[in-house]
Amino acid sequence: MLAAWPEIERDTAFAQALRANTAALTACVEDALYRPDAHAVLYRTGNSLGETGQFTAAVAHYRQLADLSLLRLGPDHLCTLTARHSLAQWQGSAKDAAGAASALDELLEDYLRVLGPNHPHTLTVRHELARWRGAAGDTAGATNPFTDLLNDRTRLLGPDHPDTLTTRGHLARWHGKAGDAAGAASTLAELLADYLRVLGPNHSHTLAVRHELARWRGVAGDAAGATSAFTDLLNDRTRLLGPDHPHTLAARRSLAWWRRSAGDTAGAAAALDELLADYLRVLGPDHPHTLAVRHELARWREGFWPGTTARPPSSDRS
């Protein structure tokens, strides 16, 4: 199943079938999947749930995986630590940023003890801890640790390592959230050039940086430029990821926002109405993204537009 699992899940029915087969396999031979380590298909299943927007299900999956890994493999086993890390990540995506930050704070102590401060996994936990501290409202708690982490990753991994580039992107984002939208856009434009050189135009990280760059250009006052950039990004994400991928849907939502900001009120409302139908079909009526689109559409229909101080849709990594 792991060999058959595509890196990009364009076929949602096939991905669901793979997850169902993993569940059936686990029910029949669960013990075998933990000898000698937790099998990689267990992590792929959890990530598949999260990547398709099923955050609550991903949290439940990883909570069980962490508990079983602790029981079968022990608290310091890398599989146990990895499951705890993924649990915190999807917990944050499920809108519990404070809980994710607290869990990662505890996990970091264990990584430092087990693997040491310079291990790539330890650096990754530092990254996620800074990310969710910021999401929980502590901007300084994100900006300062990301600055320190960028220095360490550059020193240990090199400037072109994907993890170093990822940290640069998050640091730029938090500078934007701290009020420097133009600076964030400028930094992200430089970062995009490096992503194109290192990973190429079709890599998911390159697409994510384009999303962030378009957003911060809009926040900095260039609504027309943001609209044009999101139009191009939507075309590329539809081609590469498929029309139902959460990142494609996120680009459609951001495009609608900036079309409205650029003055196309009717076109933006119509696009958001179509997007809501697709969110209901793909993610269901209770998903946070579906509820957010419903909220925006209702406010737009009532003629309420909060003006330039309102927050546009966040990154698809949020």
C-alpha atoms as a PDB file:
ATOM      1  CA  MET A   1       0.000   0.000   0.000  1.00  0.00           C
ATOM      2  CA  LEU A   2       2.817   2.379   0.810  1.00  0.00           C
ATOM      3  CA  ALA A   3       4.367   1.804  -2.612  1.00  0.00           C
ATOM      4  CA  ALA A   4       1.019   2.460  -4.287  1.00  0.00           C
ATOM      5  CA  TRP A   5       0.322   5.637  -2.302  1.00  0.00           C
ATOM      6  CA  PRO A   6       0.852   8.690  -4.553  1.00  0.00           C
ATOM      7  CA  GLU A   7       2.832  11.621  -3.198  1.00  0.00           C
ATOM      8  CA  ILE A   8       0.078  13.963  -4.375  1.00  0.00           C
ATOM      9  CA  GLU A   9      -3.426  12.600  -3.789  1.00  0.00           C
ATOM     10  CA  ARG A  10      -5.275  13.797  -6.859  1.00  0.00           C
ATOM     11  CA  ASP A  11      -7.802  10.949  -6.636  1.00  0.00           C
ATOM     12  CA  THR A  12      -9.634  11.412  -3.335  1.00  0.00           C
ATOM     13  CA  ALA A  13     -11.547   8.129  -3.698  1.00  0.00           C
ATOM     14  CA  PHE A  14      -8.309   6.179  -4.182  1.00  0.00           C
ATOM     15  CA  ALA A  15      -6.750   7.863  -1.139  1.00  0.00           C
ATOM     16  CA  GLN A  16      -9.807   6.972   0.911  1.00  0.00           C
ATOM     17  CA  ALA A  17      -9.497   3.359  -0.248  1.00  0.00           C
ATOM     18  CA  LEU A  18      -5.857   3.264   0.829  1.00  0.00           C
ATOM     19  CA  ARG A  19      -6.742   4.638   4.260  1.00  0.00           C
ATOM     20  CA  ALA A  20      -9.570   2.114   4.606  1.00  0.00           C
ATOM     21  CA  ASN A  21      -7.232  -0.732   3.697  1.00  0.00           C
ATOM     22  CA  THR A  22      -4.689   0.469   6.249  1.00  0.00           C
ATOM     23  CA  ALA A  23      -7.421   0.492   8.887  1.00  0.00           C
ATOM     24  CA  ALA A  24      -8.436  -3.052   7.931  1.00  0.00           C
ATOM     25  CA  LEU A  25      -4.823  -4.240   8.025  1.00  0.00           C
ATOM     26  CA  THR A  26      -4.330  -2.646  11.430  1.00  0.00           C
ATOM     27  CA  ALA A  27      -7.443  -4.323  12.776  1.00  0.00           C
ATOM     28  CA  CYS A  28      -6.180  -7.740  11.643  1.00  0.00           C
ATOM     29  CA  VAL A  29      -2.438  -7.654  12.360  1.00  0.00           C
ATOM     30  CA  GLU A  30      -1.760  -4.588  14.447  1.00  0.00           C
ATOM     31  CA  ASP A  31       1.119  -6.148  16.392  1.00  0.00           C
ATOM     32  CA  ALA A  32       3.003  -6.925  13.197  1.00  0.00           C
ATOM     33  CA  LEU A  33       2.954  -3.253  12.210  1.00  0.00           C
ATOM     34  CA  TYR A  34       5.104  -2.426  15.255  1.00  0.00           C
ATOM     35  CA  ARG A  35       7.877  -4.973  14.617  1.00  0.00           C
ATOM     36  CA  PRO A  36      10.599  -3.866  14.757  1.00  0.00           C
ATOM     37  CA  ASP A  37       9.314  -0.263  14.428  1.00  0.00           C
ATOM     38  CA  ALA A  38       6.016   1.418  13.672  1.00  0.00           C
ATOM     39  CA  HIS A  39       5.447   0.876   9.945  1.00  0.00           C
ATOM     40  CA  ALA A  40       5.659   3.920   7.699  1.00  0.00           C
ATOM     41  CA  VAL A  41       2.150   3.255   6.328  1.00  0.00           C
ATOM     42  CA  LEU A  42       0.725   4.237   9.731  1.00  0.00           C
ATOM     43  CA  TYR A  43       2.272   7.696   9.409  1.00  0.00           C
ATOM     44  CA  ARG A  44       1.250   8.008   5.761  1.00  0.00           C
ATOM     45  CA  THR A  45      -2.358   7.334   6.720  1.00  0.00           C
ATOM     46  CA  GLY A  46      -2.354  10.039   9.375  1.00  0.00           C
ATOM     47  CA  ASN A  47      -0.741  12.566   7.073  1.00  0.00           C
ATOM     48  CA  SER A  48      -3.213  11.698   4.330  1.00  0.00           C
ATOM     49  CA  LEU A  49      -6.058  12.575   6.671  1.00  0.00           C
ATOM     50  CA  GLY A  50      -4.468  15.884   7.610  1.00  0.00           C
ATOM     51  CA  GLU A  51      -3.418  16.823   4.102  1.00  0.00           C
ATOM     52  CA  THR A  52      -6.979  16.368   2.865  1.00  0.00           C
ATOM     53  CA  GLY A  53      -8.256  18.702   5.591  1.00  0.00           C
ATOM     54  CA  GLN A  54      -9.528  16.061   8.022  1.00  0.00           C
ATOM     55  CA  PHE A  55      -7.645  17.564  10.944  1.00  0.00           C
ATOM     56  CA  THR A  56      -9.740  16.084  13.751  1.00  0.00           C
ATOM     57  CA  ALA A  57      -9.376  12.595  12.283  1.00  0.00           C
ATOM     58  CA  ALA A  58      -5.615  13.117  11.910  1.00  0.00           C
ATOM     59  CA  VAL A  59      -5.377  14.137  15.575  1.00  0.00           C
ATOM     60  CA  ALA A  60      -7.289  11.028  16.660  1.00  0.00           C
ATOM     61  CA  HIS A  61      -5.099   8.816  14.458  1.00  0.00           C
ATOM     62  CA  TYR A  62      -1.840  10.190  15.798  1.00  0.00           C
ATOM     63  CA  ARG A  63      -3.014  10.171  19.389  1.00  0.00           C
ATOM     64  CA  GLN A  64      -3.635   6.433  19.065  1.00  0.00           C
ATOM     65  CA  LEU A  65      -0.347   5.909  17.227  1.00  0.00           C
ATOM     66  CA  ALA A  66       1.569   7.789  19.927  1.00  0.00           C
ATOM     67  CA  ASP A  67      -0.095   5.764  22.682  1.00  0.00           C
ATOM     68  CA  LEU A  68       0.582   2.438  20.977  1.00  0.00           C
ATOM     69  CA  SER A  69       4.169   3.365  20.127  1.00  0.00           C
ATOM     70  CA  LEU A  70       4.742   4.334  23.750  1.00  0.00           C
ATOM     71  CA  LEU A  71       3.332   1.010  24.898  1.00  0.00           C
ATOM     72  CA  ARG A  72       5.175  -1.191  22.387  1.00  0.00           C
ATOM     73  CA  LEU A  73       8.412   0.705  21.739  1.00  0.00           C
ATOM     74  CA  GLY A  74       9.006   2.922  24.770  1.00  0.00           C
ATOM     75  CA  PRO A  75       9.029   6.685  25.414  1.00  0.00           C
ATOM     76  CA  ASP A  76      12.409   7.464  23.830  1.00  0.00           C
ATOM     77  CA  HIS A  77      11.966   5.475  20.626  1.00  0.00           C
ATOM     78  CA  LEU A  78      12.110   7.642  17.525  1.00  0.00           C
ATOM     79  CA  CYS A  79       8.736   6.289  16.347  1.00  0.00           C
ATOM     80  CA  THR A  80       7.101   7.435  19.585  1.00  0.00           C
ATOM     81  CA  LEU A  81       8.690  10.883  19.350  1.00  0.00           C
ATOM     82  CA  THR A  82       7.690  11.179  15.685  1.00  0.00           C
ATOM     83  CA  ALA A  83       4.082  10.268  16.447  1.00  0.00           C
ATOM     84  CA  ARG A  84       3.984  12.877  19.240  1.00  0.00           C
ATOM     85  CA  HIS A  85       5.401  15.459  16.836  1.00  0.00           C
ATOM     86  CA  SER A  86       2.778  14.714  14.187  1.00  0.00           C
ATOM     87  CA  LEU A  87       0.028  14.730  16.813  1.00  0.00           C
ATOM     88  CA  ALA A  88       1.030  18.245  17.886  1.00  0.00           C
ATOM     89  CA  GLN A  89       1.254  19.417  14.269  1.00  0.00           C
ATOM     90  CA  TRP A  90      -2.279  18.343  13.385  1.00  0.00           C
ATOM     91  CA  GLN A  91      -3.559  19.516  16.761  1.00  0.00           C
ATOM     92  CA  GLY A  92      -2.419  22.989  15.772  1.00  0.00           C
ATOM     93  CA  SER A  93      -4.031  22.667  12.349  1.00  0.00           C
ATOM     94  CA  ALA A  94      -7.262  21.720  14.141  1.00  0.00           C
ATOM     95  CA  LYS A  95      -7.238  25.233  15.715  1.00  0.00           C
ATOM     96  CA  ASP A  96      -5.600  24.269  19.006  1.00  0.00           C
ATOM     97  CA  ALA A  97      -2.434  26.311  18.563  1.00  0.00           C
ATOM     98  CA  ALA A  98      -1.848  26.729  22.289  1.00  0.00           C
ATOM     99  CA  GLY A  99      -2.183  22.992  22.884  1.00  0.00           C
ATOM    100  CA  ALA A 100       0.192  22.268  20.017  1.00  0.00           C
ATOM    101  CA  ALA A 101       2.781  24.697  21.382  1.00  0.00           C
ATOM    102  CA  SER A 102       2.544  23.181  24.861  1.00  0.00           C
ATOM    103  CA  ALA A 103       2.976  19.643  23.509  1.00  0.00           C
ATOM    104  CA  LEU A 104       5.941  20.677  21.360  1.00  0.00           C
ATOM    105  CA  ASP A 105       7.586  22.444  24.285  1.00  0.00           C
ATOM    106  CA  GLU A 106       7.568  19.157  26.203  1.00  0.00           C
ATOM    107  CA  LEU A 107       8.640  17.211  23.122  1.00  0.00           C
ATOM    108  CA  LEU A 108      11.604  19.517  22.518  1.00  0.00           C
ATOM    109  CA  GLU A 109      13.022  18.654  25.939  1.00  0.00           C
ATOM    110  CA  ASP A 110      12.883  14.962  25.032  1.00  0.00           C
ATOM    111  CA  TYR A 111      14.488  15.499  21.619  1.00  0.00           C
ATOM    112  CA  LEU A 112      17.300  17.526  23.187  1.00  0.00           C
ATOM    113  CA  ARG A 113      17.899  14.727  25.686  1.00  0.00           C
ATOM    114  CA  VAL A 114      17.650  11.845  23.215  1.00  0.00           C
ATOM    115  CA  LEU A 115      19.109  13.278  19.982  1.00  0.00           C
ATOM    116  CA  GLY A 116      20.927  16.461  21.030  1.00  0.00           C
ATOM    117  CA  PRO A 117      20.575  20.086  19.926  1.00  0.00           C
ATOM    118  CA  ASN A 118      22.044  19.738  16.432  1.00  0.00           C
ATOM    119  CA  HIS A 119      19.989  16.807  15.145  1.00  0.00           C
ATOM    120  CA  PRO A 120      17.700  17.695  12.192  1.00  0.00           C
ATOM    121  CA  HIS A 121      14.675  16.321  14.079  1.00  0.00           C
ATOM    122  CA  THR A 122      15.412  18.599  17.040  1.00  0.00           C
ATOM    123  CA  LEU A 123      15.646  21.581  14.693  1.00  0.00           C
ATOM    124  CA  THR A 124      12.314  20.600  13.130  1.00  0.00           C
ATOM    125  CA  VAL A 125      10.610  20.533  16.518  1.00  0.00           C
ATOM    126  CA  ARG A 126      12.035  24.005  17.249  1.00  0.00           C
ATOM    127  CA  HIS A 127      10.539  25.161  13.955  1.00  0.00           C
ATOM    128  CA  GLU A 128       7.092  23.793  14.746  1.00  0.00           C
ATOM    129  CA  LEU A 129       7.201  25.162  18.303  1.00  0.00           C
ATOM    130  CA  ALA A 130       7.925  28.676  17.026  1.00  0.00           C
ATOM    131  CA  ARG A 131       5.195  28.320  14.411  1.00  0.00           C
ATOM    132  CA  TRP A 132       2.455  27.366  16.847  1.00  0.00           C
ATOM    133  CA  ARG A 133       3.535  29.853  19.495  1.00  0.00           C
ATOM    134  CA  GLY A 134       3.015  32.519  16.894  1.00  0.00           C
ATOM    135  CA  ALA A 135      -0.326  31.069  15.841  1.00  0.00           C
ATOM    136  CA  ALA A 136      -1.381  31.148  19.493  1.00  0.00           C
ATOM    137  CA  GLY A 137      -0.843  34.923  19.519  1.00  0.00           C
ATOM    138  CA  ASP A 138       2.783  35.293  20.603  1.00  0.00           C
ATOM    139  CA  THR A 139       4.349  37.100  17.625  1.00  0.00           C
ATOM    140  CA  ALA A 140       7.657  37.683  19.422  1.00  0.00           C
ATOM    141  CA  GLY A 141       7.583  34.030  20.484  1.00  0.00           C
ATOM    142  CA  ALA A 142       7.657  33.155  16.794  1.00  0.00           C
ATOM    143  CA  THR A 143       9.906  35.849  15.318  1.00  0.00           C
ATOM    144  CA  ASN A 144      12.799  35.563  17.768  1.00  0.00           C
ATOM    145  CA  PRO A 145      12.998  31.728  17.765  1.00  0.00           C
ATOM    146  CA  PHE A 146      12.729  31.631  13.967  1.00  0.00           C
ATOM    147  CA  THR A 147      15.634  34.095  13.746  1.00  0.00           C
ATOM    148  CA  ASP A 148      17.757  31.886  16.005  1.00  0.00           C
ATOM    149  CA  LEU A 149      16.694  28.745  14.161  1.00  0.00           C
ATOM    150  CA  LEU A 150      17.557  30.246  10.787  1.00  0.00           C
ATOM    151  CA  ASN A 151      21.086  30.948  12.015  1.00  0.00           C
ATOM    152  CA  ASP A 152      21.440  27.382  13.311  1.00  0.00           C
ATOM    153  CA  ARG A 153      19.998  25.723  10.210  1.00  0.00           C
ATOM    154  CA  THR A 154      22.184  27.826   7.921  1.00  0.00           C
ATOM    155  CA  ARG A 155      25.239  26.830   9.962  1.00  0.00           C
ATOM    156  CA  LEU A 156      24.381  23.139  10.267  1.00  0.00           C
ATOM    157  CA  LEU A 157      22.540  22.395   7.008  1.00  0.00           C
ATOM    158  CA  GLY A 158      23.639  25.117   4.612  1.00  0.00           C
ATOM    159  CA  PRO A 159      21.731  28.019   3.017  1.00  0.00           C
ATOM    160  CA  ASP A 160      20.122  25.957   0.241  1.00  0.00           C
ATOM    161  CA  HIS A 161      18.807  23.107   2.383  1.00  0.00           C
ATOM    162  CA  PRO A 162      14.992  22.859   2.096  1.00  0.00           C
ATOM    163  CA  ASP A 163      14.636  23.146   5.885  1.00  0.00           C
ATOM    164  CA  THR A 164      16.657  26.372   5.884  1.00  0.00           C
ATOM    165  CA  LEU A 165      14.496  27.761   3.087  1.00  0.00           C
ATOM    166  CA  THR A 166      11.345  26.790   4.997  1.00  0.00           C
ATOM    167  CA  THR A 167      12.520  28.682   8.064  1.00  0.00           C
ATOM    168  CA  ARG A 168      13.239  31.758   5.943  1.00  0.00           C
ATOM    169  CA  GLY A 169       9.674  31.643   4.660  1.00  0.00           C
ATOM    170  CA  HIS A 170       8.146  31.403   8.109  1.00  0.00           C
ATOM    171  CA  LEU A 171      10.346  34.179   9.461  1.00  0.00           C
ATOM    172  CA  ALA A 172       9.241  36.455   6.611  1.00  0.00           C
ATOM    173  CA  ARG A 173       5.628  35.629   7.369  1.00  0.00           C
ATOM    174  CA  TRP A 174       5.970  36.601  11.025  1.00  0.00           C
ATOM    175  CA  HIS A 175       7.703  39.832  10.112  1.00  0.00           C
ATOM    176  CA  GLY A 176       4.621  40.552   8.020  1.00  0.00           C
ATOM    177  CA  LYS A 177       2.318  39.716  10.893  1.00  0.00           C
ATOM    178  CA  ALA A 178       4.351  42.059  13.091  1.00  0.00           C
ATOM    179  CA  GLY A 179       3.436  44.897  10.715  1.00  0.00           C
ATOM    180  CA  ASP A 180       6.121  44.877   8.000  1.00  0.00           C
ATOM    181  CA  ALA A 181       4.067  43.646   5.024  1.00  0.00           C
ATOM    182  CA  ALA A 182       6.338  45.273   2.438  1.00  0.00           C
ATOM    183  CA  GLY A 183       9.425  43.754   4.059  1.00  0.00           C
ATOM    184  CA  ALA A 184       7.762  40.336   4.138  1.00  0.00           C
ATOM    185  CA  ALA A 185       6.905  40.585   0.440  1.00  0.00           C
ATOM    186  CA  SER A 186      10.447  41.637  -0.446  1.00  0.00           C
ATOM    187  CA  THR A 187      11.983  38.775   1.547  1.00  0.00           C
ATOM    188  CA  LEU A 188       9.575  36.269   0.026  1.00  0.00           C
ATOM    189  CA  ALA A 189      10.389  37.458  -3.490  1.00  0.00           C
ATOM    190  CA  GLU A 190      14.075  36.698  -2.810  1.00  0.00           C
ATOM    191  CA  LEU A 191      13.140  33.368  -1.276  1.00  0.00           C
ATOM    192  CA  LEU A 192      11.033  32.417  -4.292  1.00  0.00           C
ATOM    193  CA  ALA A 193      14.038  32.893  -6.548  1.00  0.00           C
ATOM    194  CA  ASP A 194      15.996  30.469  -4.356  1.00  0.00           C
ATOM    195  CA  TYR A 195      13.155  27.932  -4.311  1.00  0.00           C
ATOM    196  CA  LEU A 196      12.921  28.043  -8.098  1.00  0.00           C
ATOM    197  CA  ARG A 197      16.673  27.444  -8.322  1.00  0.00           C
ATOM    198  CA  VAL A 198      16.874  24.704  -5.673  1.00  0.00           C
ATOM    199  CA  LEU A 199      13.550  22.828  -5.936  1.00  0.00           C
ATOM    200  CA  GLY A 200      12.065  23.958  -9.244  1.00  0.00           C
ATOM    201  CA  PRO A 201       8.739  25.578 -10.163  1.00  0.00           C
ATOM    202  CA  ASN A 202       6.469  22.579  -9.518  1.00  0.00           C
ATOM    203  CA  HIS A 203       7.554  21.689  -5.986  1.00  0.00           C
ATOM    204  CA  SER A 204       4.888  22.071  -3.311  1.00  0.00           C
ATOM    205  CA  HIS A 205       7.146  24.352  -1.250  1.00  0.00           C
ATOM    206  CA  THR A 206       7.689  26.638  -4.239  1.00  0.00           C
ATOM    207  CA  LEU A 207       3.933  26.884  -4.691  1.00  0.00           C
ATOM    208  CA  ALA A 208       3.470  27.625  -0.984  1.00  0.00           C
ATOM    209  CA  VAL A 209       5.965  30.507  -1.153  1.00  0.00           C
ATOM    210  CA  ARG A 210       4.137  31.913  -4.169  1.00  0.00           C
ATOM    211  CA  HIS A 211       0.941  31.821  -2.082  1.00  0.00           C
ATOM    212  CA  GLU A 212       2.606  33.731   0.766  1.00  0.00           C
ATOM    213  CA  LEU A 213       4.232  36.236  -1.577  1.00  0.00           C
ATOM    214  CA  ALA A 214       0.932  37.008  -3.288  1.00  0.00           C
ATOM    215  CA  ARG A 215      -0.779  37.467   0.073  1.00  0.00           C
ATOM    216  CA  TRP A 216       1.783  39.877   1.495  1.00  0.00           C
ATOM    217  CA  ARG A 217       1.905  41.879  -1.721  1.00  0.00           C
ATOM    218  CA  GLY A 218      -1.811  42.365  -1.303  1.00  0.00           C
ATOM    219  CA  VAL A 219      -1.507  43.286   2.373  1.00  0.00           C
ATOM    220  CA  ALA A 220       1.202  45.792   1.415  1.00  0.00           C
ATOM    221  CA  GLY A 221      -1.353  47.530  -0.815  1.00  0.00           C
ATOM    222  CA  ASP A 222      -1.100  45.861  -4.233  1.00  0.00           C
ATOM    223  CA  ALA A 223      -4.506  44.181  -4.487  1.00  0.00           C
ATOM    224  CA  ALA A 224      -4.328  43.984  -8.285  1.00  0.00           C
ATOM    225  CA  GLY A 225      -0.901  42.327  -8.121  1.00  0.00           C
ATOM    226  CA  ALA A 226      -2.188  39.846  -5.541  1.00  0.00           C
ATOM    227  CA  THR A 227      -5.169  39.036  -7.751  1.00  0.00           C
ATOM    228  CA  SER A 228      -2.943  38.388 -10.763  1.00  0.00           C
ATOM    229  CA  ALA A 229      -0.515  36.262  -8.727  1.00  0.00           C
ATOM    230  CA  PHE A 230      -3.290  34.143  -7.209  1.00  0.00           C
ATOM    231  CA  THR A 231      -4.843  33.629 -10.649  1.00  0.00           C
ATOM    232  CA  ASP A 232      -1.559  32.204 -11.924  1.00  0.00           C
ATOM    233  CA  LEU A 233      -1.084  30.136  -8.763  1.00  0.00           C
ATOM    234  CA  LEU A 234      -4.587  28.689  -9.025  1.00  0.00           C
ATOM    235  CA  ASN A 235      -3.937  27.564 -12.580  1.00  0.00           C
ATOM    236  CA  ASP A 236      -0.711  25.842 -11.558  1.00  0.00           C
ATOM    237  CA  ARG A 237      -2.172  24.200  -8.454  1.00  0.00           C
ATOM    238  CA  THR A 238      -5.143  22.906 -10.405  1.00  0.00           C
ATOM    239  CA  ARG A 239      -2.757  21.417 -12.970  1.00  0.00           C
ATOM    240  CA  LEU A 240      -0.348  19.914 -10.437  1.00  0.00           C
ATOM    241  CA  LEU A 241      -2.574  18.999  -7.485  1.00  0.00           C
ATOM    242  CA  GLY A 242      -6.049  18.668  -8.976  1.00  0.00           C
ATOM    243  CA  PRO A 243      -9.142  20.819  -8.435  1.00  0.00           C
ATOM    244  CA  ASP A 244     -10.156  19.270  -5.097  1.00  0.00           C
ATOM    245  CA  HIS A 245      -6.834  19.475  -3.270  1.00  0.00           C
ATOM    246  CA  PRO A 246      -7.073  21.677  -0.128  1.00  0.00           C
ATOM    247  CA  HIS A 247      -4.236  23.890  -1.389  1.00  0.00           C
ATOM    248  CA  THR A 248      -6.075  24.456  -4.674  1.00  0.00           C
ATOM    249  CA  LEU A 249      -9.207  25.375  -2.750  1.00  0.00           C
ATOM    250  CA  ALA A 250      -7.153  27.719  -0.534  1.00  0.00           C
ATOM    251  CA  ALA A 251      -5.848  29.520  -3.621  1.00  0.00           C
ATOM    252  CA  ARG A 252      -9.419  29.958  -4.881  1.00  0.00           C
ATOM    253  CA  ARG A 253     -10.462  31.445  -1.558  1.00  0.00           C
ATOM    254  CA  SER A 254      -7.557  33.897  -1.528  1.00  0.00           C
ATOM    255  CA  LEU A 255      -8.217  34.841  -5.154  1.00  0.00           C
ATOM    256  CA  ALA A 256     -11.831  35.675  -4.313  1.00  0.00           C
ATOM    257  CA  TRP A 257     -10.698  37.868  -1.406  1.00  0.00           C
ATOM    258  CA  TRP A 258      -8.252  39.876  -3.490  1.00  0.00           C
ATOM    259  CA  ARG A 259     -10.649  40.191  -6.422  1.00  0.00           C
ATOM    260  CA  ARG A 260     -13.015  41.871  -4.005  1.00  0.00           C
ATOM    261  CA  SER A 261     -10.233  44.061  -2.633  1.00  0.00           C
ATOM    262  CA  ALA A 262      -9.383  45.063  -6.223  1.00  0.00           C
ATOM    263  CA  GLY A 263     -12.997  46.139  -6.808  1.00  0.00           C
ATOM    264  CA  ASP A 264     -14.613  43.104  -8.462  1.00  0.00           C
ATOM    265  CA  THR A 265     -17.301  42.613  -5.823  1.00  0.00           C
ATOM    266  CA  ALA A 266     -19.765  40.640  -7.943  1.00  0.00           C
ATOM    267  CA  GLY A 267     -17.144  38.326  -9.424  1.00  0.00           C
ATOM    268  CA  ALA A 268     -15.612  37.661  -6.015  1.00  0.00           C
ATOM    269  CA  ALA A 269     -18.973  36.820  -4.454  1.00  0.00           C
ATOM    270  CA  ALA A 270     -19.854  34.457  -7.307  1.00  0.00           C
ATOM    271  CA  ALA A 271     -16.462  32.733  -7.021  1.00  0.00           C
ATOM    272  CA  LEU A 272     -16.874  32.327  -3.256  1.00  0.00           C
ATOM    273  CA  ASP A 273     -20.368  30.885  -3.738  1.00  0.00           C
ATOM    274  CA  GLU A 274     -18.967  28.230  -6.108  1.00  0.00           C
ATOM    275  CA  LEU A 275     -16.100  27.566  -3.716  1.00  0.00           C
ATOM    276  CA  LEU A 276     -18.494  26.956  -0.834  1.00  0.00           C
ATOM    277  CA  ALA A 277     -20.231  24.224  -2.829  1.00  0.00           C
ATOM    278  CA  ASP A 278     -16.886  22.527  -3.435  1.00  0.00           C
ATOM    279  CA  TYR A 279     -15.822  22.847   0.220  1.00  0.00           C
ATOM    280  CA  LEU A 280     -19.113  21.243   1.275  1.00  0.00           C
ATOM    281  CA  ARG A 281     -18.524  18.390  -1.174  1.00  0.00           C
ATOM    282  CA  VAL A 282     -14.829  17.831  -0.429  1.00  0.00           C
ATOM    283  CA  LEU A 283     -14.450  18.659   3.279  1.00  0.00           C
ATOM    284  CA  GLY A 284     -18.013  18.573   4.577  1.00  0.00           C
ATOM    285  CA  PRO A 285     -20.193  21.134   6.366  1.00  0.00           C
ATOM    286  CA  ASP A 286     -18.368  21.131   9.723  1.00  0.00           C
ATOM    287  CA  HIS A 287     -14.795  21.662   8.550  1.00  0.00           C
ATOM    288  CA  PRO A 288     -13.220  24.969   9.740  1.00  0.00           C
ATOM    289  CA  HIS A 289     -12.434  26.037   6.168  1.00  0.00           C
ATOM    290  CA  THR A 290     -16.046  25.431   5.100  1.00  0.00           C
ATOM    291  CA  LEU A 291     -17.323  27.444   8.056  1.00  0.00           C
ATOM    292  CA  ALA A 292     -14.879  30.272   7.304  1.00  0.00           C
ATOM    293  CA  VAL A 293     -16.048  30.509   3.696  1.00  0.00           C
ATOM    294  CA  ARG A 294     -19.679  30.481   4.809  1.00  0.00           C
ATOM    295  CA  HIS A 295     -18.903  33.302   7.226  1.00  0.00           C
ATOM    296  CA  GLU A 296     -17.174  35.404   4.578  1.00  0.00           C
ATOM    297  CA  LEU A 297     -19.912  34.822   2.022  1.00  0.00           C
ATOM    298  CA  ALA A 298     -22.645  35.792   4.473  1.00  0.00           C
ATOM    299  CA  ARG A 299     -20.862  39.043   5.349  1.00  0.00           C
ATOM    300  CA  TRP A 300     -20.316  39.874   1.702  1.00  0.00           C
ATOM    301  CA  ARG A 301     -23.966  39.217   0.858  1.00  0.00           C
ATOM    302  CA  GLU A 302     -24.979  41.553   3.674  1.00  0.00           C
ATOM    303  CA  GLY A 303     -22.806  44.232   2.105  1.00  0.00           C
ATOM    304  CA  PHE A 304     -20.266  44.195   4.920  1.00  0.00           C
ATOM    305  CA  TRP A 305     -16.647  44.618   3.858  1.00  0.00           C
ATOM    306  CA  PRO A 306     -14.309  45.259   6.772  1.00  0.00           C
ATOM    307  CA  GLY A 307     -11.830  47.394   4.879  1.00  0.00           C
ATOM    308  CA  THR A 308      -8.080  47.419   4.647  1.00  0.00           C
ATOM    309  CA  THR A 309      -7.489  46.395   8.267  1.00  0.00           C
ATOM    310  CA  ALA A 310      -9.208  43.033   7.835  1.00  0.00           C
ATOM    311  CA  ARG A 311      -7.096  39.913   7.629  1.00  0.00           C
ATOM    312  CA  PRO A 312      -7.129  38.105   4.262  1.00  0.00           C
ATOM    313  CA  PRO A 313      -7.210  34.297   4.216  1.00  0.00           C
ATOM    314  CA  SER A 314      -4.051  32.898   5.733  1.00  0.00           C
ATOM    315  CA  SER A 315      -1.525  30.604   4.157  1.00  0.00           C
ATOM    316  CA  ASP A 316      -2.554  27.081   3.234  1.00  0.00           C
ATOM    317  CA  ARG A 317       0.045  25.993   5.815  1.00  0.00           C
ATOM    318  CA  SER A 318      -1.934  27.469   8.669  1.00  0.00           C
END
